[in-house]
Amino acid sequence: MEYPKDLKYTESDEWVRVEGNIGTTGITDYAQDQLSDIVYVETTPPLGESLQKGEPHSAVESVKAAADVNMPISGVITEINENLADNPELVNTDPYGEAWMVKFEISDPSELDGLLDAAAYEKLNEEREH
């Protein structure tokens, strides 16, 4: 399982990478592992839409289940990874790289304080396994 240290994590298995005032998000390695083979990814909000922390921005479907992917913090959608519609398997092979789902302008940077660092997220997942 991979836990990049430059990311922040939610307890609902989303990650966010912050560069200046732009956040990039997707689902974690743990989440894709639990879901198994991802066969479909849909990103729903249009560019420019403002979403609150916890609101869904995408949906993923696997051979096992379907799940919403939520905003880790509030922001305005600036970019959508259109490549995932034709290549949903990228979520399984590169969850922190090519499989990013949306980029957004961060509305409230203080919300980052409520997210987990890599060590805390890894510990959470170890507890879930037992």
Protein backbone atom coordinates (compact mmCIF):
# COMPACT_ATOMS: atom_id res chain seq x y z
CA MET A 1 0.00 0.00 0.00
CA GLU A 2 1.30 3.43 -0.92
CA TYR A 3 1.00 6.54 1.31
CA PRO A 4 2.79 9.51 -0.33
CA LYS A 5 3.93 11.91 2.38
CA ASP A 6 3.23 15.05 0.32
CA LEU A 7 -0.53 14.37 0.36
CA LYS A 8 -3.33 14.88 2.88
CA TYR A 9 -6.05 12.23 3.30
CA THR A 10 -9.70 11.98 4.32
CA GLU A 11 -11.17 9.21 6.45
CA SER A 12 -13.39 8.42 3.44
CA ASP A 13 -10.30 7.58 1.32
CA GLU A 14 -9.75 10.66 -0.82
CA TRP A 15 -6.35 12.34 -1.17
CA VAL A 16 -5.43 15.94 -1.94
CA ARG A 17 -2.18 17.43 -3.21
CA VAL A 18 -1.85 21.16 -2.59
CA GLU A 19 0.22 23.37 -4.90
CA GLY A 20 -0.23 27.04 -4.08
CA ASN A 21 -4.00 27.63 -3.99
CA ILE A 22 -4.79 24.64 -6.25
CA GLY A 23 -5.82 21.23 -4.93
CA THR A 24 -5.71 18.00 -6.93
CA THR A 25 -7.75 15.05 -5.67
CA GLY A 26 -8.64 11.42 -6.33
CA ILE A 27 -9.10 8.16 -4.42
CA THR A 28 -6.35 6.50 -2.44
CA ASP A 29 -4.44 3.32 -3.12
CA TYR A 30 -6.31 1.75 -0.19
CA ALA A 31 -9.70 2.69 -1.71
CA GLN A 32 -8.91 1.32 -5.15
CA ASP A 33 -7.59 -1.86 -3.53
CA GLN A 34 -10.84 -2.30 -1.58
CA LEU A 35 -12.98 -1.62 -4.66
CA SER A 36 -10.92 -3.96 -6.88
CA ASP A 37 -10.99 -3.51 -10.67
CA ILE A 38 -12.32 -0.03 -11.52
CA VAL A 39 -14.39 -0.22 -14.71
CA TYR A 40 -16.00 3.23 -14.82
CA VAL A 41 -15.24 6.77 -13.64
CA GLU A 42 -17.61 9.69 -14.02
CA THR A 43 -16.89 13.26 -12.96
CA THR A 44 -20.09 15.21 -12.53
CA PRO A 45 -19.56 18.91 -11.71
CA PRO A 46 -18.91 21.35 -14.56
CA LEU A 47 -15.84 23.58 -14.58
CA GLY A 48 -16.36 26.60 -12.38
CA GLU A 49 -18.75 24.87 -9.98
CA SER A 50 -18.16 25.51 -6.30
CA LEU A 51 -18.31 22.38 -4.11
CA GLN A 52 -18.21 22.14 -0.33
CA LYS A 53 -16.03 19.75 1.63
CA GLY A 54 -17.70 16.30 1.56
CA GLU A 55 -19.77 16.88 -1.59
CA PRO A 56 -19.28 14.30 -4.38
CA HIS A 57 -17.26 15.31 -7.44
CA SER A 58 -16.97 11.90 -9.10
CA ALA A 59 -18.29 8.37 -9.02
CA VAL A 60 -16.33 5.18 -9.54
CA GLU A 61 -17.65 1.73 -10.29
CA SER A 62 -15.79 -1.52 -9.92
CA VAL A 63 -16.68 -5.14 -10.41
CA LYS A 64 -17.54 -5.16 -6.67
CA ALA A 65 -19.23 -1.83 -5.90
CA ALA A 66 -19.94 1.77 -6.81
CA ALA A 67 -18.77 4.69 -4.70
CA ASP A 68 -18.91 8.47 -4.65
CA VAL A 69 -15.64 10.38 -4.49
CA ASN A 70 -16.00 13.49 -2.32
CA MET A 71 -14.24 16.81 -2.08
CA PRO A 72 -11.57 16.62 0.65
CA ILE A 73 -11.91 20.40 1.17
CA SER A 74 -14.09 23.10 -0.39
CA GLY A 75 -13.18 24.58 -3.76
CA VAL A 76 -14.10 25.66 -7.29
CA ILE A 77 -13.52 23.04 -10.01
CA THR A 78 -10.83 24.24 -12.45
CA GLU A 79 -9.91 21.04 -14.30
CA ILE A 80 -11.36 17.56 -14.87
CA ASN A 81 -9.30 14.51 -15.83
CA GLU A 82 -11.17 13.58 -19.03
CA ASN A 83 -8.69 10.73 -19.61
CA LEU A 84 -10.37 8.60 -16.91
CA ALA A 85 -13.60 8.17 -18.89
CA ASP A 86 -11.73 6.05 -21.46
CA ASN A 87 -9.09 4.67 -19.07
CA PRO A 88 -10.75 3.95 -15.70
CA GLU A 89 -8.13 1.27 -14.96
CA LEU A 90 -5.64 4.08 -14.26
CA VAL A 91 -7.30 4.37 -10.84
CA ASN A 92 -5.97 0.88 -10.08
CA THR A 93 -2.50 1.35 -11.56
CA ASP A 94 -1.65 4.97 -10.67
CA PRO A 95 -4.12 6.35 -8.08
CA TYR A 96 -1.86 9.27 -7.05
CA GLY A 97 -0.64 10.21 -10.52
CA GLU A 98 -2.46 9.71 -13.82
CA ALA A 99 -5.73 8.91 -12.01
CA TRP A 100 -6.27 12.32 -10.39
CA MET A 101 -9.94 13.22 -10.84
CA VAL A 102 -10.38 16.97 -10.40
CA LYS A 103 -8.31 20.05 -9.74
CA PHE A 104 -9.83 22.94 -7.84
CA GLU A 105 -9.10 26.38 -6.47
CA ILE A 106 -9.08 26.03 -2.68
CA SER A 107 -11.84 28.08 -1.01
CA ASP A 108 -10.87 27.59 2.64
CA PRO A 109 -7.25 26.52 3.28
CA SER A 110 -8.00 26.09 7.01
CA GLU A 111 -10.00 22.94 6.12
CA LEU A 112 -6.67 21.23 5.37
CA ASP A 113 -6.04 21.17 9.13
CA GLY A 114 -8.82 18.60 9.53
CA LEU A 115 -7.24 16.10 7.15
CA LEU A 116 -4.91 13.21 7.96
CA ASP A 117 -1.21 13.07 7.13
CA ALA A 118 0.26 9.92 5.57
CA ALA A 119 1.17 8.31 8.93
CA ALA A 120 -2.30 8.89 10.42
CA TYR A 121 -4.03 7.59 7.28
CA GLU A 122 -1.84 4.47 7.22
CA LYS A 123 -2.68 3.85 10.90
CA LEU A 124 -6.41 4.25 10.17
CA ASN A 125 -6.20 1.63 7.43
CA GLU A 126 -4.27 -0.79 9.65
CA GLU A 127 -7.03 -0.44 12.29
CA ARG A 128 -9.72 -1.14 9.65
CA GLU A 129 -7.99 -4.36 8.68
CA HIS A 130 -8.24 -5.78 12.22
